Amino acid sequence: MEGIATAKNASDQLDIHLLSALNHMLSKQLNSTLKSGVPVYSSQLDLTRLHNAIKQAYFELDKDLKKVVKDDSGCVCVGIKD
């Protein structure tokens, strides 16, 4: 893949992985504060779970990109400052 096509593919894949990770996070956090079908506000989110969901999305993206470039060098890096 050429540079622009690779970046677009990575962006598309990241969207998919982020939505999946966030939906999974929210399904685990459904409780008295979060109800299914009701909008969720940032103040209601567990920030540790949110950070982990984002890291998981990048991890899954990295696995997909390794298949494209056909090596184990790693493709993305995630760091969260506290």
N, C-alpha and C. Protein backbone atom coordinates (compact mmCIF):
# COMPACT_ATOMS: atom_id res chain seq x y z
N MET A 1 0.84 -1.19 0.00
CA MET A 1 0.00 0.00 0.00
C MET A 1 0.88 1.24 0.00
N GLU A 2 0.45 2.26 -0.70
CA GLU A 2 1.15 3.54 -0.71
C GLU A 2 0.81 4.30 0.55
N GLY A 3 1.58 5.35 0.86
CA GLY A 3 1.44 6.10 2.09
C GLY A 3 0.04 6.60 2.39
N ILE A 4 -0.59 7.28 1.44
CA ILE A 4 -1.93 7.84 1.68
C ILE A 4 -2.95 6.72 1.84
N ALA A 5 -2.86 5.69 1.01
CA ALA A 5 -3.80 4.57 1.11
C ALA A 5 -3.62 3.84 2.44
N THR A 6 -2.37 3.71 2.89
CA THR A 6 -2.10 3.06 4.17
C THR A 6 -2.68 3.87 5.32
N ALA A 7 -2.50 5.19 5.27
CA ALA A 7 -3.04 6.05 6.32
C ALA A 7 -4.57 5.99 6.34
N LYS A 8 -5.20 5.98 5.17
CA LYS A 8 -6.67 5.90 5.11
C LYS A 8 -7.15 4.56 5.66
N ASN A 9 -6.47 3.50 5.29
CA ASN A 9 -6.82 2.17 5.80
C ASN A 9 -6.69 2.13 7.32
N ALA A 10 -5.59 2.67 7.85
CA ALA A 10 -5.38 2.69 9.29
C ALA A 10 -6.47 3.50 9.98
N SER A 11 -6.84 4.63 9.39
CA SER A 11 -7.89 5.47 9.96
C SER A 11 -9.22 4.74 9.98
N ASP A 12 -9.55 4.07 8.88
CA ASP A 12 -10.80 3.29 8.82
C ASP A 12 -10.81 2.18 9.86
N GLN A 13 -9.68 1.49 9.98
CA GLN A 13 -9.59 0.39 10.94
C GLN A 13 -9.66 0.91 12.37
N LEU A 14 -9.03 2.08 12.63
CA LEU A 14 -9.07 2.65 13.97
C LEU A 14 -10.50 2.99 14.37
N ASP A 15 -11.27 3.56 13.44
CA ASP A 15 -12.68 3.86 13.72
C ASP A 15 -13.43 2.60 14.18
N ILE A 16 -13.23 1.54 13.45
CA ILE A 16 -13.92 0.28 13.75
C ILE A 16 -13.51 -0.22 15.14
N HIS A 17 -12.21 -0.21 15.41
CA HIS A 17 -11.72 -0.72 16.70
C HIS A 17 -12.14 0.19 17.86
N LEU A 18 -12.13 1.50 17.65
CA LEU A 18 -12.55 2.42 18.72
C LEU A 18 -14.02 2.23 19.06
N LEU A 19 -14.87 2.15 18.04
CA LEU A 19 -16.29 1.95 18.30
C LEU A 19 -16.55 0.64 19.02
N SER A 20 -15.86 -0.40 18.61
CA SER A 20 -16.03 -1.69 19.25
C SER A 20 -15.58 -1.63 20.71
N ALA A 21 -14.40 -1.04 20.96
CA ALA A 21 -13.87 -0.96 22.32
C ALA A 21 -14.76 -0.09 23.21
N LEU A 22 -15.25 1.03 22.68
CA LEU A 22 -16.10 1.91 23.48
C LEU A 22 -17.45 1.26 23.78
N ASN A 23 -18.02 0.58 22.79
CA ASN A 23 -19.28 -0.12 23.03
C ASN A 23 -19.11 -1.22 24.08
N HIS A 24 -18.00 -1.92 24.00
CA HIS A 24 -17.70 -2.97 24.99
C HIS A 24 -17.55 -2.35 26.38
N MET A 25 -16.83 -1.22 26.46
CA MET A 25 -16.65 -0.53 27.73
C MET A 25 -17.99 -0.11 28.32
N LEU A 26 -18.84 0.48 27.49
CA LEU A 26 -20.14 0.96 27.98
C LEU A 26 -21.04 -0.19 28.41
N SER A 27 -20.97 -1.30 27.69
CA SER A 27 -21.81 -2.44 28.08
C SER A 27 -21.41 -2.97 29.44
N LYS A 28 -20.11 -2.87 29.79
CA LYS A 28 -19.65 -3.31 31.10
C LYS A 28 -19.97 -2.30 32.18
N GLN A 29 -20.17 -1.04 31.78
CA GLN A 29 -20.39 0.02 32.77
C GLN A 29 -21.88 0.32 32.98
N LEU A 30 -22.76 -0.40 32.29
CA LEU A 30 -24.18 -0.15 32.50
C LEU A 30 -24.55 -0.42 33.95
N ASN A 31 -25.02 0.59 34.59
CA ASN A 31 -25.39 0.50 36.01
C ASN A 31 -26.42 1.57 36.29
N SER A 32 -26.49 2.03 37.51
CA SER A 32 -27.48 3.05 37.86
C SER A 32 -27.20 4.38 37.17
N THR A 33 -25.93 4.67 36.85
CA THR A 33 -25.62 5.94 36.18
C THR A 33 -25.83 5.87 34.68
N LEU A 34 -25.58 4.71 34.09
CA LEU A 34 -25.74 4.55 32.64
C LEU A 34 -26.89 3.61 32.36
N LYS A 35 -27.76 4.05 31.47
CA LYS A 35 -28.90 3.22 31.09
C LYS A 35 -28.87 3.03 29.58
N SER A 36 -29.19 1.84 29.13
CA SER A 36 -29.20 1.52 27.71
C SER A 36 -30.17 2.44 26.96
N GLY A 37 -29.71 2.98 25.84
CA GLY A 37 -30.56 3.82 25.00
C GLY A 37 -30.61 5.27 25.41
N VAL A 38 -29.92 5.64 26.48
CA VAL A 38 -29.90 7.02 26.96
C VAL A 38 -28.52 7.60 26.66
N PRO A 39 -28.45 8.86 26.19
CA PRO A 39 -27.13 9.45 25.90
C PRO A 39 -26.20 9.40 27.11
N VAL A 40 -24.93 9.23 26.84
CA VAL A 40 -23.91 9.16 27.89
C VAL A 40 -23.09 10.44 27.85
N TYR A 41 -22.87 11.02 29.01
CA TYR A 41 -22.07 12.23 29.13
C TYR A 41 -20.68 11.88 29.65
N SER A 42 -19.69 12.66 29.26
CA SER A 42 -18.31 12.36 29.65
C SER A 42 -18.14 12.27 31.17
N SER A 43 -18.90 13.04 31.91
CA SER A 43 -18.78 13.01 33.38
C SER A 43 -19.25 11.68 33.97
N GLN A 44 -19.96 10.88 33.18
CA GLN A 44 -20.46 9.60 33.67
C GLN A 44 -19.48 8.45 33.38
N LEU A 45 -18.45 8.72 32.61
CA LEU A 45 -17.53 7.65 32.20
C LEU A 45 -16.48 7.38 33.26
N ASP A 46 -16.12 6.14 33.37
CA ASP A 46 -15.00 5.72 34.20
C ASP A 46 -13.74 5.97 33.35
N LEU A 47 -12.93 6.95 33.75
CA LEU A 47 -11.78 7.34 32.92
C LEU A 47 -10.76 6.23 32.76
N THR A 48 -10.58 5.41 33.76
CA THR A 48 -9.64 4.29 33.63
C THR A 48 -10.12 3.33 32.55
N ARG A 49 -11.42 3.04 32.54
CA ARG A 49 -11.97 2.15 31.49
C ARG A 49 -11.88 2.81 30.12
N LEU A 50 -12.08 4.13 30.06
CA LEU A 50 -11.97 4.84 28.79
C LEU A 50 -10.55 4.75 28.26
N HIS A 51 -9.56 5.01 29.11
CA HIS A 51 -8.16 4.90 28.69
C HIS A 51 -7.84 3.49 28.21
N ASN A 52 -8.32 2.50 28.95
CA ASN A 52 -8.07 1.10 28.56
C ASN A 52 -8.75 0.76 27.23
N ALA A 53 -9.94 1.29 27.00
CA ALA A 53 -10.65 1.04 25.74
C ALA A 53 -9.87 1.63 24.57
N ILE A 54 -9.32 2.83 24.76
CA ILE A 54 -8.54 3.46 23.70
C ILE A 54 -7.26 2.67 23.43
N LYS A 55 -6.58 2.24 24.50
CA LYS A 55 -5.38 1.42 24.34
C LYS A 55 -5.70 0.12 23.62
N GLN A 56 -6.82 -0.51 23.97
CA GLN A 56 -7.22 -1.76 23.33
C GLN A 56 -7.48 -1.54 21.84
N ALA A 57 -8.11 -0.43 21.50
CA ALA A 57 -8.38 -0.13 20.08
C ALA A 57 -7.08 0.00 19.30
N TYR A 58 -6.10 0.69 19.87
CA TYR A 58 -4.80 0.82 19.19
C TYR A 58 -4.07 -0.52 19.12
N PHE A 59 -4.21 -1.35 20.15
CA PHE A 59 -3.61 -2.67 20.14
C PHE A 59 -4.19 -3.51 19.00
N GLU A 60 -5.52 -3.48 18.86
CA GLU A 60 -6.18 -4.23 17.78
C GLU A 60 -5.78 -3.67 16.41
N LEU A 61 -5.69 -2.35 16.31
CA LEU A 61 -5.24 -1.73 15.05
C LEU A 61 -3.83 -2.21 14.72
N ASP A 62 -2.95 -2.23 15.71
CA ASP A 62 -1.59 -2.67 15.50
C ASP A 62 -1.54 -4.10 14.97
N LYS A 63 -2.37 -4.98 15.54
CA LYS A 63 -2.42 -6.37 15.05
C LYS A 63 -2.83 -6.41 13.59
N ASP A 64 -3.83 -5.60 13.21
CA ASP A 64 -4.27 -5.55 11.81
C ASP A 64 -3.17 -5.03 10.89
N LEU A 65 -2.50 -3.97 11.32
CA LEU A 65 -1.46 -3.38 10.47
C LEU A 65 -0.25 -4.29 10.32
N LYS A 66 0.04 -5.09 11.35
CA LYS A 66 1.15 -6.04 11.24
C LYS A 66 0.87 -7.06 10.13
N LYS A 67 -0.40 -7.41 9.94
CA LYS A 67 -0.75 -8.34 8.88
C LYS A 67 -0.54 -7.70 7.51
N VAL A 68 -0.78 -6.39 7.41
CA VAL A 68 -0.62 -5.68 6.14
C VAL A 68 0.86 -5.57 5.78
N VAL A 69 1.71 -5.18 6.76
CA VAL A 69 3.13 -5.02 6.47
C VAL A 69 3.90 -6.32 6.62
N LYS A 70 3.23 -7.33 7.13
CA LYS A 70 3.77 -8.68 7.25
C LYS A 70 5.07 -8.75 8.06
N ASP A 71 5.06 -8.07 9.22
CA ASP A 71 6.16 -8.22 10.18
C ASP A 71 5.65 -7.93 11.58
N ASP A 72 6.52 -8.12 12.56
CA ASP A 72 6.12 -7.91 13.96
C ASP A 72 6.76 -6.66 14.56
N SER A 73 7.07 -5.70 13.70
CA SER A 73 7.78 -4.52 14.20
C SER A 73 6.92 -3.62 15.06
N GLY A 74 5.62 -3.71 14.95
CA GLY A 74 4.74 -2.80 15.67
C GLY A 74 4.53 -1.56 14.82
N CYS A 75 3.36 -1.06 14.84
CA CYS A 75 3.03 0.04 13.94
C CYS A 75 2.57 1.29 14.65
N VAL A 76 1.97 1.16 15.82
CA VAL A 76 1.46 2.32 16.53
C VAL A 76 1.96 2.32 17.97
N CYS A 77 1.93 3.47 18.57
CA CYS A 77 2.38 3.62 19.95
C CYS A 77 1.36 4.46 20.70
N VAL A 78 1.01 4.05 21.90
CA VAL A 78 0.04 4.79 22.70
C VAL A 78 0.67 5.09 24.05
N GLY A 79 0.58 6.32 24.44
CA GLY A 79 1.05 6.72 25.77
C GLY A 79 0.05 7.67 26.37
N ILE A 80 -0.28 7.48 27.62
CA ILE A 80 -1.21 8.37 28.30
C ILE A 80 -0.49 8.97 29.49
N LYS A 81 -0.44 10.30 29.50
CA LYS A 81 0.19 10.98 30.62
C LYS A 81 -0.80 11.10 31.76
N ASP A 82 -0.32 10.89 32.95
CA ASP A 82 -1.17 11.06 34.14
C ASP A 82 -0.98 12.43 34.72
